[in-house]
Amino acid sequence: MAVRTVADCGGKVTGTTATEMGADLTFATALVRMSHVVQYVFADVSREYGVTPQQAQLLCMLTGGRSA
């Protein structure tokens, strides 16, 4: 589904069905929940090693690991 703005539609949002909106909301909800899980993991690991979550994320990036 293409992203539409109100300006693109002349001030009116058209062509978006309730099903498309529901799918977008479900996907958005899943992304938010995944983000919380990743943040929780960084917080948990950082507590274990005595660093902040930001330091854990930076260390992950510097050592070549994947980070959020």
C-alpha atoms as a PDB file:
ATOM      1  CA  MET A   1       0.000   0.000   0.000  1.00  0.00           C
ATOM      2  CA  ALA A   2       1.401   3.390  -0.982  1.00  0.00           C
ATOM      3  CA  VAL A   3       1.710   6.007   1.706  1.00  0.00           C
ATOM      4  CA  ARG A   4      -0.709   8.846   1.098  1.00  0.00           C
ATOM      5  CA  THR A   5      -0.880  12.203   2.769  1.00  0.00           C
ATOM      6  CA  VAL A   6      -3.883  14.455   3.075  1.00  0.00           C
ATOM      7  CA  ALA A   7      -2.196  16.910   0.691  1.00  0.00           C
ATOM      8  CA  ASP A   8      -1.730  14.178  -1.946  1.00  0.00           C
ATOM      9  CA  CYS A   9      -5.487  13.593  -2.009  1.00  0.00           C
ATOM     10  CA  GLY A  10      -6.530  17.223  -2.233  1.00  0.00           C
ATOM     11  CA  GLY A  11      -7.338  17.412   1.467  1.00  0.00           C
ATOM     12  CA  LYS A  12      -9.279  14.139   1.553  1.00  0.00           C
ATOM     13  CA  VAL A  13      -7.961  10.711   2.430  1.00  0.00           C
ATOM     14  CA  THR A  14      -9.444   8.254  -0.044  1.00  0.00           C
ATOM     15  CA  GLY A  15      -8.898   4.688  -1.144  1.00  0.00           C
ATOM     16  CA  THR A  16      -7.950   3.221   2.232  1.00  0.00           C
ATOM     17  CA  THR A  17     -10.170   0.396   3.356  1.00  0.00           C
ATOM     18  CA  ALA A  18     -10.772  -0.629   6.935  1.00  0.00           C
ATOM     19  CA  THR A  19      -8.909  -3.882   6.227  1.00  0.00           C
ATOM     20  CA  GLU A  20      -5.822  -2.006   5.021  1.00  0.00           C
ATOM     21  CA  MET A  21      -5.939   0.258   8.062  1.00  0.00           C
ATOM     22  CA  GLY A  22      -6.328  -2.754  10.355  1.00  0.00           C
ATOM     23  CA  ALA A  23      -3.356  -4.489   8.732  1.00  0.00           C
ATOM     24  CA  ASP A  24      -1.258  -1.337   9.093  1.00  0.00           C
ATOM     25  CA  LEU A  25      -2.240  -0.994  12.741  1.00  0.00           C
ATOM     26  CA  THR A  26      -1.455  -4.654  13.383  1.00  0.00           C
ATOM     27  CA  PHE A  27       1.948  -4.286  11.738  1.00  0.00           C
ATOM     28  CA  ALA A  28       2.614  -1.048  13.619  1.00  0.00           C
ATOM     29  CA  THR A  29       1.634  -2.708  16.893  1.00  0.00           C
ATOM     30  CA  ALA A  30       4.001  -5.595  16.177  1.00  0.00           C
ATOM     31  CA  LEU A  31       6.855  -3.167  15.463  1.00  0.00           C
ATOM     32  CA  VAL A  32       6.245  -1.286  18.708  1.00  0.00           C
ATOM     33  CA  ARG A  33       6.144  -4.518  20.693  1.00  0.00           C
ATOM     34  CA  MET A  34       9.347  -5.751  19.039  1.00  0.00           C
ATOM     35  CA  SER A  35      11.013  -2.443  19.879  1.00  0.00           C
ATOM     36  CA  HIS A  36      10.041  -2.890  23.536  1.00  0.00           C
ATOM     37  CA  VAL A  37      11.472  -6.423  23.541  1.00  0.00           C
ATOM     38  CA  VAL A  38      14.777  -5.192  22.094  1.00  0.00           C
ATOM     39  CA  GLN A  39      14.939  -2.362  24.640  1.00  0.00           C
ATOM     40  CA  TYR A  40      14.234  -4.851  27.430  1.00  0.00           C
ATOM     41  CA  VAL A  41      17.048  -7.129  26.248  1.00  0.00           C
ATOM     42  CA  PHE A  42      19.539  -4.245  26.152  1.00  0.00           C
ATOM     43  CA  ALA A  43      18.438  -3.165  29.652  1.00  0.00           C
ATOM     44  CA  ASP A  44      18.700  -6.708  31.005  1.00  0.00           C
ATOM     45  CA  VAL A  45      22.133  -7.367  29.495  1.00  0.00           C
ATOM     46  CA  SER A  46      23.450  -3.960  30.524  1.00  0.00           C
ATOM     47  CA  ARG A  47      22.412  -4.569  34.151  1.00  0.00           C
ATOM     48  CA  GLU A  48      24.266  -7.868  34.083  1.00  0.00           C
ATOM     49  CA  TYR A  49      27.497  -6.187  32.925  1.00  0.00           C
ATOM     50  CA  GLY A  50      27.164  -2.937  34.869  1.00  0.00           C
ATOM     51  CA  VAL A  51      26.773  -0.591  31.899  1.00  0.00           C
ATOM     52  CA  THR A  52      23.897   1.551  30.641  1.00  0.00           C
ATOM     53  CA  PRO A  53      21.632   0.275  27.837  1.00  0.00           C
ATOM     54  CA  GLN A  54      23.134   2.945  25.570  1.00  0.00           C
ATOM     55  CA  GLN A  55      26.656   1.717  26.335  1.00  0.00           C
ATOM     56  CA  ALA A  56      25.584  -1.877  25.625  1.00  0.00           C
ATOM     57  CA  GLN A  57      24.132  -0.803  22.269  1.00  0.00           C
ATOM     58  CA  LEU A  58      27.305   1.132  21.415  1.00  0.00           C
ATOM     59  CA  LEU A  59      29.507  -1.818  22.382  1.00  0.00           C
ATOM     60  CA  CYS A  60      27.385  -4.077  20.190  1.00  0.00           C
ATOM     61  CA  MET A  61      27.831  -1.738  17.240  1.00  0.00           C
ATOM     62  CA  LEU A  62      31.582  -1.324  17.811  1.00  0.00           C
ATOM     63  CA  THR A  63      32.205  -5.058  18.002  1.00  0.00           C
ATOM     64  CA  GLY A  64      30.417  -5.651  14.712  1.00  0.00           C
ATOM     65  CA  GLY A  65      27.229  -7.054  16.178  1.00  0.00           C
ATOM     66  CA  ARG A  66      23.746  -6.079  15.107  1.00  0.00           C
ATOM     67  CA  SER A  67      21.916  -3.438  17.073  1.00  0.00           C
ATOM     68  CA  ALA A  68      18.451  -1.861  17.078  1.00  0.00           C
END
